[in-house]
PDB file of N, CA and C in Angstrom:
ATOM      1  N   UNK A   1     109.087 179.633 383.793  1.00  0.00           N
ATOM      2  CA  UNK A   1     110.165 180.090 383.944  1.00  0.00           C
ATOM      3  C   UNK A   1     111.028 178.988 383.703  1.00  0.00           C
ATOM      4  N   UNK A   2     111.363 177.796 384.966  1.00  0.00           N
ATOM      5  CA  UNK A   2     111.547 177.075 384.557  1.00  0.00           C
ATOM      6  C   UNK A   2     111.510 176.005 383.208  1.00  0.00           C
ATOM      7  N   UNK A   3     110.789 176.443 382.722  1.00  0.00           N
ATOM      8  CA  UNK A   3     110.383 175.481 381.659  1.00  0.00           C
ATOM      9  C   UNK A   3     111.175 176.029 380.721  1.00  0.00           C
ATOM     10  N   UNK A   4     111.094 176.580 380.527  1.00  0.00           N
ATOM     11  CA  UNK A   4     112.012 177.904 379.412  1.00  0.00           C
ATOM     12  C   UNK A   4     113.302 176.921 379.213  1.00  0.00           C
ATOM     13  N   UNK A   5     113.791 177.469 380.221  1.00  0.00           N
ATOM     14  CA  UNK A   5     115.349 176.988 380.552  1.00  0.00           C
ATOM     15  C   UNK A   5     115.782 175.613 380.179  1.00  0.00           C
ATOM     16  N   UNK A   6     114.665 174.486 380.869  1.00  0.00           N
ATOM     17  CA  UNK A   6     115.375 173.373 380.012  1.00  0.00           C
ATOM     18  C   UNK A   6     114.854 173.088 378.622  1.00  0.00           C
ATOM     19  N   UNK A   7     113.739 173.567 378.405  1.00  0.00           N
ATOM     20  CA  UNK A   7     113.570 173.484 376.992  1.00  0.00           C
ATOM     21  C   UNK A   7     114.864 174.201 376.336  1.00  0.00           C
ATOM     22  N   UNK A   8     115.283 175.468 376.214  1.00  0.00           N
ATOM     23  CA  UNK A   8     116.207 175.788 375.359  1.00  0.00           C
ATOM     24  C   UNK A   8     117.729 174.699 376.081  1.00  0.00           C
ATOM     25  N   UNK A   9     117.718 174.536 376.974  1.00  0.00           N
ATOM     26  CA  UNK A   9     118.891 173.875 377.534  1.00  0.00           C
ATOM     27  C   UNK A   9     119.005 172.068 376.434  1.00  0.00           C
ATOM     28  N   UNK A  10     117.525 171.636 376.244  1.00  0.00           N
ATOM     29  CA  UNK A  10     117.638 170.379 375.584  1.00  0.00           C
ATOM     30  C   UNK A  10     117.712 170.739 373.991  1.00  0.00           C
ATOM     31  N   UNK A  11     117.529 172.097 373.498  1.00  0.00           N
ATOM     32  CA  UNK A  11     117.631 172.186 372.577  1.00  0.00           C
ATOM     33  C   UNK A  11     119.058 172.591 372.179  1.00  0.00           C
ATOM     34  N   UNK A  12     119.833 173.117 373.228  1.00  0.00           N
ATOM     35  CA  UNK A  12     121.519 173.194 372.941  1.00  0.00           C
ATOM     36  C   UNK A  12     122.410 172.116 373.155  1.00  0.00           C
ATOM     37  N   UNK A  13     121.923 171.101 373.519  1.00  0.00           N
ATOM     38  CA  UNK A  13     122.171 169.921 373.723  1.00  0.00           C
ATOM     39  C   UNK A  13     121.869 168.640 372.694  1.00  0.00           C
ATOM     40  N   UNK A  14     120.549 169.405 371.903  1.00  0.00           N
ATOM     41  CA  UNK A  14     121.050 168.670 370.877  1.00  0.00           C
ATOM     42  C   UNK A  14     121.804 169.468 369.208  1.00  0.00           C
ATOM     43  N   UNK A  15     122.137 170.262 369.932  1.00  0.00           N
ATOM     44  CA  UNK A  15     122.850 171.228 368.585  1.00  0.00           C
ATOM     45  C   UNK A  15     124.123 170.739 368.894  1.00  0.00           C
ATOM     46  N   UNK A  16     124.711 170.513 370.531  1.00  0.00           N
ATOM     47  CA  UNK A  16     126.148 170.416 370.263  1.00  0.00           C
ATOM     48  C   UNK A  16     126.396 168.924 369.851  1.00  0.00           C
ATOM     49  N   UNK A  17     125.663 167.873 369.570  1.00  0.00           N
ATOM     50  CA  UNK A  17     125.345 166.478 369.772  1.00  0.00           C
ATOM     51  C   UNK A  17     125.148 166.696 368.456  1.00  0.00           C
ATOM     52  N   UNK A  18     124.672 167.194 367.665  1.00  0.00           N
ATOM     53  CA  UNK A  18     125.130 167.711 366.083  1.00  0.00           C
ATOM     54  C   UNK A  18     125.741 167.725 365.648  1.00  0.00           C
ATOM     55  N   UNK A  19     126.310 168.746 366.297  1.00  0.00           N
ATOM     56  CA  UNK A  19     127.925 169.455 366.050  1.00  0.00           C
ATOM     57  C   UNK A  19     128.908 168.520 366.206  1.00  0.00           C
ATOM     58  N   UNK A  20     128.711 167.613 367.058  1.00  0.00           N
ATOM     59  CA  UNK A  20     129.703 166.912 367.242  1.00  0.00           C
ATOM     60  C   UNK A  20     129.993 165.380 366.053  1.00  0.00           C
ATOM     61  N   UNK A  21     128.713 165.353 365.765  1.00  0.00           N
ATOM     62  CA  UNK A  21     128.502 164.431 364.874  1.00  0.00           C
ATOM     63  C   UNK A  21     128.929 164.309 363.529  1.00  0.00           C
ATOM     64  N   UNK A  22     128.687 165.923 363.377  1.00  0.00           N
ATOM     65  CA  UNK A  22     129.568 166.439 361.659  1.00  0.00           C
ATOM     66  C   UNK A  22     131.111 166.501 361.627  1.00  0.00           C
ATOM     67  N   UNK A  23     131.510 167.269 363.279  1.00  0.00           N
ATOM     68  CA  UNK A  23     132.883 166.974 363.331  1.00  0.00           C
ATOM     69  C   UNK A  23     133.744 165.445 363.042  1.00  0.00           C
ATOM     70  N   UNK A  24     132.647 164.465 363.619  1.00  0.00           N
ATOM     71  CA  UNK A  24     133.456 163.334 363.318  1.00  0.00           C
ATOM     72  C   UNK A  24     133.331 162.800 362.066  1.00  0.00           C
ATOM     73  N   UNK A  25     132.084 162.887 361.336  1.00  0.00           N
ATOM     74  CA  UNK A  25     131.943 162.076 359.862  1.00  0.00           C
ATOM     75  C   UNK A  25     132.389 163.243 358.722  1.00  0.00           C
ATOM     76  N   UNK A  26     132.394 164.450 359.031  1.00  0.00           N
ATOM     77  CA  UNK A  26     132.694 165.672 357.847  1.00  0.00           C
ATOM     78  C   UNK A  26     131.454 166.117 357.738  1.00  0.00           C
ATOM     79  N   UNK A  27     131.857 167.343 356.829  1.00  0.00           N
ATOM     80  CA  UNK A  27     130.324 168.054 356.098  1.00  0.00           C
ATOM     81  C   UNK A  27     130.418 168.005 354.866  1.00  0.00           C
ATOM     82  N   UNK A  28     129.063 167.241 354.505  1.00  0.00           N
ATOM     83  CA  UNK A  28     129.002 166.913 353.225  1.00  0.00           C
ATOM     84  C   UNK A  28     128.860 168.330 352.403  1.00  0.00           C
ATOM     85  N   UNK A  29     129.176 168.273 350.799  1.00  0.00           N
ATOM     86  CA  UNK A  29     128.701 169.295 350.357  1.00  0.00           C
ATOM     87  C   UNK A  29     127.255 169.439 350.415  1.00  0.00           C
ATOM     88  N   UNK A  30     126.344 168.941 350.369  1.00  0.00           N
ATOM     89  CA  UNK A  30     125.134 169.020 350.226  1.00  0.00           C
ATOM     90  C   UNK A  30     124.669 170.130 351.283  1.00  0.00           C
ATOM     91  N   UNK A  31     125.738 169.352 352.350  1.00  0.00           N
ATOM     92  CA  UNK A  31     125.189 170.451 353.701  1.00  0.00           C
ATOM     93  C   UNK A  31     125.661 171.744 353.873  1.00  0.00           C
ATOM     94  N   UNK A  32     127.031 171.970 352.964  1.00  0.00           N
ATOM     95  CA  UNK A  32     127.162 172.904 353.485  1.00  0.00           C
ATOM     96  C   UNK A  32     126.824 173.865 352.014  1.00  0.00           C
ATOM     97  N   UNK A  33     126.242 173.403 351.023  1.00  0.00           N
ATOM     98  CA  UNK A  33     125.408 174.402 350.303  1.00  0.00           C
ATOM     99  C   UNK A  33     123.517 174.798 350.536  1.00  0.00           C
ATOM    100  N   UNK A  34     123.065 173.903 351.505  1.00  0.00           N
ATOM    101  CA  UNK A  34     122.378 174.066 352.134  1.00  0.00           C
ATOM    102  C   UNK A  34     122.307 175.542 353.348  1.00  0.00           C
ATOM    103  N   UNK A  35     123.419 175.367 353.840  1.00  0.00           N
ATOM    104  CA  UNK A  35     123.987 176.806 354.981  1.00  0.00           C
ATOM    105  C   UNK A  35     123.965 177.947 354.252  1.00  0.00           C
ATOM    106  N   UNK A  36     124.887 177.616 353.423  1.00  0.00           N
ATOM    107  CA  UNK A  36     125.155 178.971 352.320  1.00  0.00           C
ATOM    108  C   UNK A  36     124.039 179.401 352.075  1.00  0.00           C
ATOM    109  N   UNK A  37     122.803 178.601 351.397  1.00  0.00           N
ATOM    110  CA  UNK A  37     121.832 179.252 350.863  1.00  0.00           C
ATOM    111  C   UNK A  37     121.063 179.763 351.700  1.00  0.00           C
ATOM    112  N   UNK A  38     120.814 179.340 352.931  1.00  0.00           N
ATOM    113  CA  UNK A  38     120.046 179.546 353.905  1.00  0.00           C
ATOM    114  C   UNK A  38     120.918 180.913 354.892  1.00  0.00           C
ATOM    115  N   UNK A  39     121.796 181.240 354.405  1.00  0.00           N
ATOM    116  CA  UNK A  39     122.867 182.393 355.197  1.00  0.00           C
ATOM    117  C   UNK A  39     122.584 183.443 353.909  1.00  0.00           C
ATOM    118  N   UNK A  40     122.707 183.015 352.844  1.00  0.00           N
ATOM    119  CA  UNK A  40     122.534 184.243 351.469  1.00  0.00           C
ATOM    120  C   UNK A  40     121.033 185.213 351.530  1.00  0.00           C
ATOM    121  N   UNK A  41     120.100 183.517 352.110  1.00  0.00           N
ATOM    122  CA  UNK A  41     118.720 184.079 351.846  1.00  0.00           C
ATOM    123  C   UNK A  41     118.366 184.894 353.350  1.00  0.00           C
ATOM    124  N   UNK A  42     119.063 184.408 354.413  1.00  0.00           N
ATOM    125  CA  UNK A  42     118.491 185.726 355.492  1.00  0.00           C
ATOM    126  C   UNK A  42     118.948 186.134 355.879  1.00  0.00           C
ATOM    127  N   UNK A  43     120.619 185.638 355.703  1.00  0.00           N
ATOM    128  CA  UNK A  43     121.240 187.367 356.644  1.00  0.00           C
ATOM    129  C   UNK A  43     121.427 188.271 355.130  1.00  0.00           C
ATOM    130  N   UNK A  44     121.929 187.747 353.984  1.00  0.00           N
ATOM    131  CA  UNK A  44     122.426 188.899 352.962  1.00  0.00           C
ATOM    132  C   UNK A  44     120.934 189.381 351.985  1.00  0.00           C
ATOM    133  N   UNK A  45     119.962 188.213 352.212  1.00  0.00           N
ATOM    134  CA  UNK A  45     118.622 188.869 351.865  1.00  0.00           C
ATOM    135  C   UNK A  45     118.363 188.820 350.312  1.00  0.00           C
ATOM    136  N   UNK A  46     118.977 187.859 349.759  1.00  0.00           N
ATOM    137  CA  UNK A  46     119.528 187.813 348.136  1.00  0.00           C
ATOM    138  C   UNK A  46     118.249 187.920 347.547  1.00  0.00           C
ATOM    139  N   UNK A  47     117.978 188.076 346.210  1.00  0.00           N
ATOM    140  CA  UNK A  47     116.488 188.165 345.885  1.00  0.00           C
ATOM    141  C   UNK A  47     116.431 186.563 345.393  1.00  0.00           C
ATOM    142  N   UNK A  48     115.091 186.682 345.140  1.00  0.00           N
ATOM    143  CA  UNK A  48     114.604 185.388 344.728  1.00  0.00           C
ATOM    144  C   UNK A  48     115.115 184.230 343.350  1.00  0.00           C
ATOM    145  N   UNK A  49     115.185 185.350 342.429  1.00  0.00           N
ATOM    146  CA  UNK A  49     115.682 184.959 341.144  1.00  0.00           C
ATOM    147  C   UNK A  49     117.357 184.714 341.365  1.00  0.00           C
ATOM    148  N   UNK A  50     118.174 185.313 342.255  1.00  0.00           N
ATOM    149  CA  UNK A  50     119.333 184.538 342.250  1.00  0.00           C
ATOM    150  C   UNK A  50     119.302 183.543 343.486  1.00  0.00           C
ATOM    151  N   UNK A  51     118.318 183.026 344.094  1.00  0.00           N
ATOM    152  CA  UNK A  51     118.034 182.523 345.057  1.00  0.00           C
ATOM    153  C   UNK A  51     118.003 180.951 344.398  1.00  0.00           C
ATOM    154  N   UNK A  52     117.047 181.142 343.267  1.00  0.00           N
ATOM    155  CA  UNK A  52     116.715 179.877 342.423  1.00  0.00           C
ATOM    156  C   UNK A  52     117.564 180.108 341.442  1.00  0.00           C
ATOM    157  N   UNK A  53     118.376 180.992 340.727  1.00  0.00           N
ATOM    158  CA  UNK A  53     119.648 180.499 340.459  1.00  0.00           C
ATOM    159  C   UNK A  53     120.807 179.121 341.054  1.00  0.00           C
ATOM    160  N   UNK A  54     120.792 179.841 342.093  1.00  0.00           N
ATOM    161  CA  UNK A  54     121.935 179.408 342.947  1.00  0.00           C
ATOM    162  C   UNK A  54     121.589 177.830 343.258  1.00  0.00           C
ATOM    163  N   UNK A  55     120.048 177.593 343.577  1.00  0.00           N
ATOM    164  CA  UNK A  55     119.604 176.426 344.079  1.00  0.00           C
ATOM    165  C   UNK A  55     119.663 175.799 342.973  1.00  0.00           C
ATOM    166  N   UNK A  56     119.568 176.013 341.499  1.00  0.00           N
ATOM    167  CA  UNK A  56     119.639 175.016 340.289  1.00  0.00           C
ATOM    168  C   UNK A  56     121.032 174.491 340.350  1.00  0.00           C
ATOM    169  N   UNK A  57     121.798 175.293 340.395  1.00  0.00           N
ATOM    170  CA  UNK A  57     122.939 174.974 340.560  1.00  0.00           C
ATOM    171  C   UNK A  57     123.742 173.991 341.380  1.00  0.00           C
ATOM    172  N   UNK A  58     123.245 174.393 342.961  1.00  0.00           N
ATOM    173  CA  UNK A  58     124.124 173.560 343.903  1.00  0.00           C
ATOM    174  C   UNK A  58     122.993 172.247 343.973  1.00  0.00           C
ATOM    175  N   UNK A  59     122.372 171.999 343.826  1.00  0.00           N
ATOM    176  CA  UNK A  59     121.077 171.288 344.016  1.00  0.00           C
ATOM    177  C   UNK A  59     121.628 169.971 343.735  1.00  0.00           C
ATOM    178  N   UNK A  60     122.156 169.471 342.435  1.00  0.00           N
ATOM    179  CA  UNK A  60     122.683 167.975 342.265  1.00  0.00           C
ATOM    180  C   UNK A  60     124.059 167.967 342.277  1.00  0.00           C
ATOM    181  N   UNK A  61     125.489 168.234 342.773  1.00  0.00           N
ATOM    182  CA  UNK A  61     126.848 168.110 342.713  1.00  0.00           C
ATOM    183  C   UNK A  61     127.082 166.732 341.387  1.00  0.00           C
ATOM    184  N   UNK A  62     127.436 167.001 340.278  1.00  0.00           N
ATOM    185  CA  UNK A  62     127.774 166.258 339.280  1.00  0.00           C
ATOM    186  C   UNK A  62     126.764 166.198 338.347  1.00  0.00           C
ATOM    187  N   UNK A  63     125.681 166.531 338.523  1.00  0.00           N
ATOM    188  CA  UNK A  63     124.676 166.427 336.806  1.00  0.00           C
ATOM    189  C   UNK A  63     124.639 167.730 336.310  1.00  0.00           C
ATOM    190  N   UNK A  64     124.538 167.777 335.467  1.00  0.00           N
ATOM    191  CA  UNK A  64     124.946 168.888 334.420  1.00  0.00           C
ATOM    192  C   UNK A  64     123.783 169.306 334.785  1.00  0.00           C
ATOM    193  N   UNK A  65     124.146 171.103 334.304  1.00  0.00           N
ATOM    194  CA  UNK A  65     124.055 172.202 334.922  1.00  0.00           C
ATOM    195  C   UNK A  65     122.540 172.652 333.656  1.00  0.00           C
ATOM    196  N   UNK A  66     121.842 172.905 333.842  1.00  0.00           N
ATOM    197  CA  UNK A  66     120.564 172.852 332.998  1.00  0.00           C
ATOM    198  C   UNK A  66     119.618 174.332 333.375  1.00  0.00           C
ATOM    199  N   UNK A  67     119.608 174.906 332.217  1.00  0.00           N
ATOM    200  CA  UNK A  67     118.833 176.399 332.398  1.00  0.00           C
ATOM    201  C   UNK A  67     117.345 176.300 331.612  1.00  0.00           C
ATOM    202  N   UNK A  68     116.302 177.168 332.368  1.00  0.00           N
ATOM    203  CA  UNK A  68     115.360 176.247 331.656  1.00  0.00           C
ATOM    204  C   UNK A  68     114.564 175.435 331.571  1.00  0.00           C
ATOM    205  N   UNK A  69     113.514 175.370 330.966  1.00  0.00           N
ATOM    206  CA  UNK A  69     112.545 173.659 331.423  1.00  0.00           C
ATOM    207  C   UNK A  69     113.034 172.395 329.833  1.00  0.00           C
ATOM    208  N   UNK A  70     113.716 172.998 329.012  1.00  0.00           N
ATOM    209  CA  UNK A  70     113.751 171.849 327.653  1.00  0.00           C
ATOM    210  C   UNK A  70     114.870 171.720 327.657  1.00  0.00           C
ATOM    211  N   UNK A  71     115.444 170.811 326.830  1.00  0.00           N
ATOM    212  CA  UNK A  71     116.612 170.859 326.131  1.00  0.00           C
ATOM    213  C   UNK A  71     115.991 170.553 325.049  1.00  0.00           C
ATOM    214  N   UNK A  72     117.621 170.903 323.588  1.00  0.00           N
ATOM    215  CA  UNK A  72     116.858 170.896 322.714  1.00  0.00           C
ATOM    216  C   UNK A  72     117.987 170.367 322.131  1.00  0.00           C
ATOM    217  N   UNK A  73     117.669 169.425 320.843  1.00  0.00           N
ATOM    218  CA  UNK A  73     118.613 168.489 320.691  1.00  0.00           C
ATOM    219  C   UNK A  73     119.038 169.715 319.061  1.00  0.00           C
ATOM    220  N   UNK A  74     120.175 169.023 318.064  1.00  0.00           N
ATOM    221  CA  UNK A  74     120.277 169.519 317.174  1.00  0.00           C
ATOM    222  C   UNK A  74     119.547 170.032 316.193  1.00  0.00           C
ATOM    223  N   UNK A  75     118.740 168.895 315.936  1.00  0.00           N
ATOM    224  CA  UNK A  75     117.346 169.045 315.127  1.00  0.00           C
ATOM    225  C   UNK A  75     116.192 169.885 315.549  1.00  0.00           C
ATOM    226  N   UNK A  76     115.942 170.069 316.591  1.00  0.00           N
ATOM    227  CA  UNK A  76     115.160 170.829 317.474  1.00  0.00           C
ATOM    228  C   UNK A  76     115.330 173.078 317.273  1.00  0.00           C
ATOM    229  N   UNK A  77     116.036 173.320 316.560  1.00  0.00           N
ATOM    230  CA  UNK A  77     116.461 174.770 316.550  1.00  0.00           C
ATOM    231  C   UNK A  77     115.799 175.288 315.169  1.00  0.00           C
ATOM    232  N   UNK A  78     114.359 174.587 314.974  1.00  0.00           N
ATOM    233  CA  UNK A  78     113.357 175.367 314.093  1.00  0.00           C
ATOM    234  C   UNK A  78     114.203 175.407 312.830  1.00  0.00           C
ATOM    235  N   UNK A  79     115.278 175.235 312.184  1.00  0.00           N
ATOM    236  CA  UNK A  79     115.906 175.104 310.829  1.00  0.00           C
ATOM    237  C   UNK A  79     115.922 174.323 309.714  1.00  0.00           C
ATOM    238  N   UNK A  80     116.314 174.348 308.723  1.00  0.00           N
ATOM    239  CA  UNK A  80     116.130 173.395 308.007  1.00  0.00           C
ATOM    240  C   UNK A  80     116.368 171.604 308.340  1.00  0.00           C
ATOM    241  N   UNK A  81     116.367 170.782 308.021  1.00  0.00           N
ATOM    242  CA  UNK A  81     116.627 169.694 308.688  1.00  0.00           C
ATOM    243  C   UNK A  81     117.403 169.035 307.634  1.00  0.00           C
TER     244      UNK A  81
END
């Protein structure tokens, strides 16, 4: 039982140190987005398709949002060239 209490205390200390570090430097967008996605999946029980869509939008801020696997140019539409 004592070992379990010590393990918990050590984990709690690490969490508190991590929280203090984040308070000092601030939270990044990527950290916030990751926490939100974890909450959405674990607590709200979001569907896999919703999580996949959100991850694609939140993965790299500043990058153009892309749907699908291929981008088409104006000449790739299959019509006359």
